[in-house]
C-alpha atoms as a PDB file:
ATOM      1  CA  HIS A   1      12.306 -35.695  29.661  1.00  0.00           C
ATOM      2  CA  THR A   2      14.783 -32.946  29.360  1.00  0.00           C
ATOM      3  CA  PHE A   3      14.399 -29.954  27.097  1.00  0.00           C
ATOM      4  CA  GLN A   4      17.320 -31.255  25.056  1.00  0.00           C
ATOM      5  CA  HIS A   5      15.560 -34.662  24.684  1.00  0.00           C
ATOM      6  CA  TYR A   6      12.505 -32.900  23.388  1.00  0.00           C
ATOM      7  CA  LEU A   7      14.582 -31.071  20.747  1.00  0.00           C
ATOM      8  CA  ILE A   8      16.184 -34.312  19.634  1.00  0.00           C
ATOM      9  CA  GLN A   9      12.791 -35.958  19.301  1.00  0.00           C
ATOM     10  CA  ILE A  10      11.693 -33.087  17.100  1.00  0.00           C
ATOM     11  CA  ASN A  11      14.803 -33.543  14.910  1.00  0.00           C
ATOM     12  CA  LEU A  12      14.306 -37.253  14.597  1.00  0.00           C
ATOM     13  CA  ARG A  13      10.717 -36.785  13.488  1.00  0.00           C
ATOM     14  CA  MET A  14      11.906 -34.295  10.843  1.00  0.00           C
ATOM     15  CA  LEU A  15      14.521 -36.581   9.270  1.00  0.00           C
ATOM     16  CA  GLY A  16      13.604 -37.180   5.695  1.00  0.00           C
ATOM     17  CA  GLY A  17      15.566 -39.849   3.724  1.00  0.00           C
ATOM     18  CA  SER A  18      19.235 -39.319   4.270  1.00  0.00           C
ATOM     19  CA  ALA A  19      19.019 -35.541   4.530  1.00  0.00           C
ATOM     20  CA  ALA A  20      18.894 -34.370   8.183  1.00  0.00           C
ATOM     21  CA  GLN A  21      17.074 -31.050   8.590  1.00  0.00           C
ATOM     22  CA  GLU A  22      18.174 -28.498  11.118  1.00  0.00           C
ATOM     23  CA  ILE A  23      16.601 -28.820  14.581  1.00  0.00           C
ATOM     24  CA  VAL A  24      13.554 -26.513  14.903  1.00  0.00           C
ATOM     25  CA  LYS A  25      14.341 -24.038  17.702  1.00  0.00           C
ATOM     26  CA  PRO A  26      11.450 -22.526  19.596  1.00  0.00           C
ATOM     27  CA  ASP A  27      11.196 -18.711  19.164  1.00  0.00           C
ATOM     28  CA  VAL A  28      11.491 -16.758  22.438  1.00  0.00           C
ATOM     29  CA  VAL A  29      10.670 -13.160  23.289  1.00  0.00           C
ATOM     30  CA  PHE A  30      11.635 -11.843  26.758  1.00  0.00           C
ATOM     31  CA  VAL A  31       9.220  -9.429  28.379  1.00  0.00           C
ATOM     32  CA  LEU A  32      10.729  -7.055  30.913  1.00  0.00           C
ATOM     33  CA  GLY A  33       9.643  -4.041  32.792  1.00  0.00           C
ATOM     34  CA  PRO A  34       8.960  -2.927  36.442  1.00  0.00           C
ATOM     35  CA  PRO A  35       6.170  -4.646  38.492  1.00  0.00           C
ATOM     36  CA  GLY A  36       2.879  -3.141  37.519  1.00  0.00           C
ATOM     37  CA  ALA A  37       4.039  -1.942  34.055  1.00  0.00           C
ATOM     38  CA  GLY A  38       1.354  -4.010  32.339  1.00  0.00           C
ATOM     39  CA  LYS A  39       3.501  -6.834  31.000  1.00  0.00           C
ATOM     40  CA  GLY A  40       0.777  -9.447  31.610  1.00  0.00           C
ATOM     41  CA  THR A  41      -1.911  -7.336  29.890  1.00  0.00           C
ATOM     42  CA  GLN A  42       0.266  -6.913  26.797  1.00  0.00           C
ATOM     43  CA  CYS A  43       1.215 -10.592  26.782  1.00  0.00           C
ATOM     44  CA  THR A  44      -2.510 -11.563  26.593  1.00  0.00           C
ATOM     45  CA  LYS A  45      -2.895  -9.337  23.546  1.00  0.00           C
ATOM     46  CA  ILE A  46       0.212 -10.746  21.903  1.00  0.00           C
ATOM     47  CA  VAL A  47      -1.049 -14.314  22.461  1.00  0.00           C
ATOM     48  CA  GLU A  48      -4.395 -13.469  20.849  1.00  0.00           C
ATOM     49  CA  LYS A  49      -2.911 -11.719  17.840  1.00  0.00           C
ATOM     50  CA  TYR A  50       0.345 -13.589  17.117  1.00  0.00           C
ATOM     51  CA  GLY A  51      -0.198 -17.060  18.551  1.00  0.00           C
ATOM     52  CA  TYR A  52       2.531 -17.017  21.079  1.00  0.00           C
ATOM     53  CA  VAL A  53       2.485 -19.013  24.326  1.00  0.00           C
ATOM     54  CA  HIS A  54       2.719 -16.830  27.398  1.00  0.00           C
ATOM     55  CA  LEU A  55       4.982 -18.189  30.130  1.00  0.00           C
ATOM     56  CA  SER A  56       4.998 -15.982  33.223  1.00  0.00           C
ATOM     57  CA  ALA A  57       8.059 -16.849  35.360  1.00  0.00           C
ATOM     58  CA  GLY A  58       6.287 -15.493  38.418  1.00  0.00           C
ATOM     59  CA  ASP A  59       3.131 -17.565  37.741  1.00  0.00           C
ATOM     60  CA  LEU A  60       5.269 -20.715  37.258  1.00  0.00           C
ATOM     61  CA  LEU A  61       7.109 -20.056  40.521  1.00  0.00           C
ATOM     62  CA  ARG A  62       3.857 -19.405  42.391  1.00  0.00           C
ATOM     63  CA  ALA A  63       2.308 -22.618  41.019  1.00  0.00           C
ATOM     64  CA  GLU A  64       5.366 -24.556  41.993  1.00  0.00           C
ATOM     65  CA  ARG A  65       5.204 -23.125  45.493  1.00  0.00           C
ATOM     66  CA  ALA A  66       1.512 -24.108  45.746  1.00  0.00           C
ATOM     67  CA  SER A  67       2.226 -27.608  44.501  1.00  0.00           C
ATOM     68  CA  GLY A  68       4.056 -28.500  47.720  1.00  0.00           C
ATOM     69  CA  SER A  69       7.252 -29.251  45.882  1.00  0.00           C
ATOM     70  CA  PRO A  70      10.626 -29.356  47.728  1.00  0.00           C
ATOM     71  CA  ASP A  71      11.462 -25.901  46.308  1.00  0.00           C
ATOM     72  CA  GLY A  72       8.208 -24.375  47.503  1.00  0.00           C
ATOM     73  CA  GLU A  73       9.444 -22.980  50.866  1.00  0.00           C
ATOM     74  CA  LEU A  74      12.510 -21.417  49.288  1.00  0.00           C
ATOM     75  CA  ILE A  75      10.370 -19.848  46.545  1.00  0.00           C
ATOM     76  CA  GLN A  76       8.075 -18.464  49.179  1.00  0.00           C
ATOM     77  CA  ARG A  77      10.883 -16.793  51.061  1.00  0.00           C
ATOM     78  CA  HIS A  78      12.127 -15.104  47.893  1.00  0.00           C
ATOM     79  CA  ILE A  79       8.598 -13.955  46.774  1.00  0.00           C
ATOM     80  CA  THR A  80       7.810 -12.518  50.223  1.00  0.00           C
ATOM     81  CA  GLY A  81      11.226 -10.759  50.442  1.00  0.00           C
ATOM     82  CA  GLY A  82      10.981  -9.391  46.948  1.00  0.00           C
ATOM     83  CA  THR A  83      14.214 -11.063  46.041  1.00  0.00           C
ATOM     84  CA  ILE A  84      15.104 -13.302  43.003  1.00  0.00           C
ATOM     85  CA  VAL A  85      14.602 -17.011  43.086  1.00  0.00           C
ATOM     86  CA  PRO A  86      17.746 -19.118  42.117  1.00  0.00           C
ATOM     87  CA  VAL A  87      18.087 -19.313  38.454  1.00  0.00           C
ATOM     88  CA  ALA A  88      18.317 -23.144  38.186  1.00  0.00           C
ATOM     89  CA  ILE A  89      14.753 -23.376  39.628  1.00  0.00           C
ATOM     90  CA  THR A  90      13.242 -20.858  37.245  1.00  0.00           C
ATOM     91  CA  VAL A  91      14.979 -22.106  34.102  1.00  0.00           C
ATOM     92  CA  LYS A  92      13.913 -25.696  34.979  1.00  0.00           C
ATOM     93  CA  LEU A  93      10.267 -24.574  35.247  1.00  0.00           C
ATOM     94  CA  LEU A  94      10.498 -22.618  32.017  1.00  0.00           C
ATOM     95  CA  ALA A  95      11.977 -25.468  30.051  1.00  0.00           C
ATOM     96  CA  LYS A  96       9.458 -27.949  31.399  1.00  0.00           C
ATOM     97  CA  ALA A  97       6.647 -25.643  30.305  1.00  0.00           C
ATOM     98  CA  MET A  98       8.178 -25.199  26.890  1.00  0.00           C
ATOM     99  CA  GLU A  99       8.364 -28.985  26.367  1.00  0.00           C
ATOM    100  CA  LYS A 100       4.557 -29.054  26.340  1.00  0.00           C
ATOM    101  CA  VAL A 101       4.386 -27.044  23.087  1.00  0.00           C
ATOM    102  CA  PRO A 102       6.912 -28.463  20.558  1.00  0.00           C
ATOM    103  CA  GLY A 103       8.070 -25.874  18.077  1.00  0.00           C
ATOM    104  CA  GLY A 104       6.148 -23.201  19.843  1.00  0.00           C
ATOM    105  CA  LYS A 105       6.664 -19.387  20.028  1.00  0.00           C
ATOM    106  CA  PHE A 106       7.076 -18.250  23.660  1.00  0.00           C
ATOM    107  CA  LEU A 107       6.691 -14.968  25.526  1.00  0.00           C
ATOM    108  CA  ILE A 108       8.805 -15.266  28.672  1.00  0.00           C
ATOM    109  CA  ASP A 109       7.392 -12.627  31.004  1.00  0.00           C
ATOM    110  CA  GLY A 110       9.432 -11.446  34.120  1.00  0.00           C
ATOM    111  CA  PHE A 111      12.644 -13.277  33.211  1.00  0.00           C
ATOM    112  CA  PRO A 112      15.590 -12.754  33.172  1.00  0.00           C
ATOM    113  CA  ARG A 113      15.641 -10.464  36.218  1.00  0.00           C
ATOM    114  CA  ASN A 114      19.384 -10.128  36.771  1.00  0.00           C
ATOM    115  CA  GLU A 115      22.864 -11.020  35.370  1.00  0.00           C
ATOM    116  CA  ASP A 116      22.817 -14.341  37.126  1.00  0.00           C
ATOM    117  CA  ASN A 117      19.546 -15.191  35.380  1.00  0.00           C
ATOM    118  CA  VAL A 118      21.036 -14.333  31.979  1.00  0.00           C
ATOM    119  CA  VAL A 119      24.123 -16.492  32.665  1.00  0.00           C
ATOM    120  CA  GLY A 120      22.026 -19.396  33.922  1.00  0.00           C
ATOM    121  CA  TRP A 121      19.697 -19.186  30.926  1.00  0.00           C
ATOM    122  CA  GLU A 122      22.632 -19.154  28.501  1.00  0.00           C
ATOM    123  CA  ASP A 123      24.319 -22.047  30.231  1.00  0.00           C
ATOM    124  CA  GLN A 124      21.142 -24.227  29.926  1.00  0.00           C
ATOM    125  CA  MET A 125      19.429 -22.897  26.822  1.00  0.00           C
ATOM    126  CA  LYS A 126      22.012 -21.258  24.448  1.00  0.00           C
ATOM    127  CA  GLY A 127      21.735 -22.762  21.011  1.00  0.00           C
ATOM    128  CA  LYS A 128      18.381 -24.513  21.936  1.00  0.00           C
ATOM    129  CA  VAL A 129      16.149 -21.512  21.348  1.00  0.00           C
ATOM    130  CA  ASN A 130      15.926 -18.525  18.996  1.00  0.00           C
ATOM    131  CA  LEU A 131      15.853 -15.318  21.084  1.00  0.00           C
ATOM    132  CA  LYS A 132      14.145 -12.839  18.741  1.00  0.00           C
ATOM    133  CA  PHE A 133      14.180  -9.721  20.841  1.00  0.00           C
ATOM    134  CA  VAL A 134      13.409  -8.287  24.365  1.00  0.00           C
ATOM    135  CA  LEU A 135      10.238  -6.207  25.000  1.00  0.00           C
ATOM    136  CA  PHE A 136      10.783  -3.595  27.671  1.00  0.00           C
ATOM    137  CA  TYR A 137       7.885  -1.733  29.067  1.00  0.00           C
ATOM    138  CA  GLU A 138       8.858   1.567  30.776  1.00  0.00           C
ATOM    139  CA  CYS A 139       6.558   2.997  33.428  1.00  0.00           C
ATOM    140  CA  GLU A 140       6.955   5.454  36.391  1.00  0.00           C
ATOM    141  CA  GLU A 141       7.132   3.864  39.829  1.00  0.00           C
ATOM    142  CA  GLU A 142       3.983   5.610  41.251  1.00  0.00           C
ATOM    143  CA  GLU A 143       1.833   4.548  38.303  1.00  0.00           C
ATOM    144  CA  CYS A 144       3.139   1.004  38.635  1.00  0.00           C
ATOM    145  CA  LEU A 145       2.230   1.071  42.336  1.00  0.00           C
ATOM    146  CA  ARG A 146      -1.253   2.377  41.581  1.00  0.00           C
ATOM    147  CA  ARG A 147      -1.781  -0.491  39.129  1.00  0.00           C
ATOM    148  CA  ALA A 148      -0.299  -3.176  41.390  1.00  0.00           C
ATOM    149  CA  LEU A 149      -2.525  -2.247  44.268  1.00  0.00           C
ATOM    150  CA  SER A 150      -5.698  -1.922  42.162  1.00  0.00           C
ATOM    151  CA  ARG A 151      -5.392  -5.203  40.227  1.00  0.00           C
ATOM    152  CA  ASN A 152      -6.519  -7.298  43.214  1.00  0.00           C
ATOM    153  CA  GLN A 153      -5.299 -10.618  41.989  1.00  0.00           C
ATOM    154  CA  GLY A 154      -4.895 -11.926  45.515  1.00  0.00           C
ATOM    155  CA  ARG A 155      -1.132 -11.948  45.250  1.00  0.00           C
ATOM    156  CA  ALA A 156       0.826 -12.001  48.463  1.00  0.00           C
ATOM    157  CA  ASP A 157       3.387  -9.596  46.972  1.00  0.00           C
ATOM    158  CA  ASP A 158       0.836  -6.967  46.000  1.00  0.00           C
ATOM    159  CA  ASN A 159       1.131  -4.679  49.019  1.00  0.00           C
ATOM    160  CA  VAL A 160       3.058  -1.396  49.378  1.00  0.00           C
ATOM    161  CA  GLU A 161       5.985  -2.830  51.386  1.00  0.00           C
ATOM    162  CA  SER A 162       6.544  -5.816  49.068  1.00  0.00           C
ATOM    163  CA  PHE A 163       6.024  -3.567  45.972  1.00  0.00           C
ATOM    164  CA  ARG A 164       8.804  -1.164  47.109  1.00  0.00           C
ATOM    165  CA  LYS A 165      11.151  -4.123  47.692  1.00  0.00           C
ATOM    166  CA  ARG A 166      10.371  -5.428  44.200  1.00  0.00           C
ATOM    167  CA  ILE A 167      11.001  -2.053  42.703  1.00  0.00           C
ATOM    168  CA  GLN A 168      14.358  -1.776  44.413  1.00  0.00           C
ATOM    169  CA  THR A 169      15.344  -5.294  43.242  1.00  0.00           C
ATOM    170  CA  TYR A 170      14.257  -4.270  39.675  1.00  0.00           C
ATOM    171  CA  LEU A 171      16.269  -1.060  39.722  1.00  0.00           C
ATOM    172  CA  SER A 172      19.466  -2.646  41.107  1.00  0.00           C
ATOM    173  CA  SER A 173      19.326  -6.016  39.376  1.00  0.00           C
ATOM    174  CA  THR A 174      17.212  -5.825  36.185  1.00  0.00           C
ATOM    175  CA  MET A 175      18.084  -2.457  34.826  1.00  0.00           C
ATOM    176  CA  PRO A 176      21.730  -3.445  34.188  1.00  0.00           C
ATOM    177  CA  ILE A 177      20.681  -6.375  31.969  1.00  0.00           C
ATOM    178  CA  VAL A 178      18.132  -4.105  30.122  1.00  0.00           C
ATOM    179  CA  ASN A 179      21.188  -1.963  29.262  1.00  0.00           C
ATOM    180  CA  ARG A 180      23.008  -5.100  28.186  1.00  0.00           C
ATOM    181  CA  PHE A 181      20.277  -6.140  25.891  1.00  0.00           C
ATOM    182  CA  LYS A 182      20.143  -2.615  24.496  1.00  0.00           C
ATOM    183  CA  GLY A 183      23.858  -2.831  23.762  1.00  0.00           C
ATOM    184  CA  ASP A 184      23.265  -6.097  21.959  1.00  0.00           C
ATOM    185  CA  GLY A 185      20.659  -4.539  19.706  1.00  0.00           C
ATOM    186  CA  LEU A 186      17.920  -6.796  21.084  1.00  0.00           C
ATOM    187  CA  LEU A 187      15.953  -4.283  23.212  1.00  0.00           C
ATOM    188  CA  ARG A 188      12.565  -2.902  22.091  1.00  0.00           C
ATOM    189  CA  ALA A 189      11.644  -0.178  24.529  1.00  0.00           C
ATOM    190  CA  ILE A 190       7.964   0.789  24.824  1.00  0.00           C
ATOM    191  CA  ASP A 191       6.270   3.481  26.843  1.00  0.00           C
ATOM    192  CA  GLY A 192       3.881   1.397  29.093  1.00  0.00           C
ATOM    193  CA  ALA A 193       2.198   4.383  30.781  1.00  0.00           C
ATOM    194  CA  GLY A 194      -0.671   4.699  28.349  1.00  0.00           C
ATOM    195  CA  CYS A 195      -3.945   2.682  28.164  1.00  0.00           C
ATOM    196  CA  PRO A 196      -3.458  -0.917  27.124  1.00  0.00           C
ATOM    197  CA  ASP A 197      -4.775  -0.453  23.562  1.00  0.00           C
ATOM    198  CA  THR A 198      -2.386   2.473  22.945  1.00  0.00           C
ATOM    199  CA  VAL A 199       0.612   0.479  24.386  1.00  0.00           C
ATOM    200  CA  PHE A 200      -0.363  -2.484  22.179  1.00  0.00           C
ATOM    201  CA  ILE A 201      -0.101  -0.333  19.062  1.00  0.00           C
ATOM    202  CA  ALA A 202       3.572   0.210  19.851  1.00  0.00           C
ATOM    203  CA  THR A 203       3.941  -3.438  20.795  1.00  0.00           C
ATOM    204  CA  GLN A 204       2.602  -4.671  17.438  1.00  0.00           C
ATOM    205  CA  LYS A 205       5.308  -2.646  15.592  1.00  0.00           C
ATOM    206  CA  CYS A 206       7.949  -4.789  17.272  1.00  0.00           C
ATOM    207  CA  PHE A 207       6.424  -8.031  16.045  1.00  0.00           C
ATOM    208  CA  GLU A 208       5.579  -6.754  12.563  1.00  0.00           C
ATOM    209  CA  SER A 209       9.177  -5.456  11.973  1.00  0.00           C
ATOM    210  CA  GLY A 210      11.103  -7.959  14.023  1.00  0.00           C
ATOM    211  CA  GLN A 211      14.466  -6.803  12.828  1.00  0.00           C
ATOM    212  CA  LYS A 212      13.855  -3.157  13.556  1.00  0.00           C
ATOM    213  CA  ARG A 213      16.315  -1.791  16.192  1.00  0.00           C
ATOM    214  CA  GLU A 214      15.299   0.358  19.066  1.00  0.00           C
ATOM    215  CA  HIS A 215      14.866   4.044  18.142  1.00  0.00           C
END
């Protein structure tokens, strides 16, 4: 089943009499920031408080790699090299995960990571979801490195060399789209350097005043 098929099915179930109601679009919030900025920790808190479904692009890719799928070897090369997986693979995995929760609210963590990701997302998903805003957690490189090395999640990309590569990819590829979202009025920038509870206070303000522009 395609994501579009799932939206059509929702629409058909909502038809009442002769009046067709508008398709219910899932709400999406993108969550961006450098590796180690605490995106996953904040996503867990958002899920608990606001009922969102957390979709980590990295976790979906790692699970796909481990599943032995035809894309697994390609995904592995990109993860090890700290480079960005082709957008068609990532969007396909995100859409598949979203199909499992009809009418859901989704936090998409670690995507989009570059301009190609944005274009690929818009090509496949524009008009099918409601992008509410983009959370952007700012954190200094050395603090991010300290966190990444101490979290001990058994990830192959949590070593100094891979981390430095990921930071360089982030600076060269992700920061330009952060600036694009800022120009579009969608960016909600948050200082991610504090303790998780302090950061979450700032995060909550974004959800409780969804229309508020970055200040």
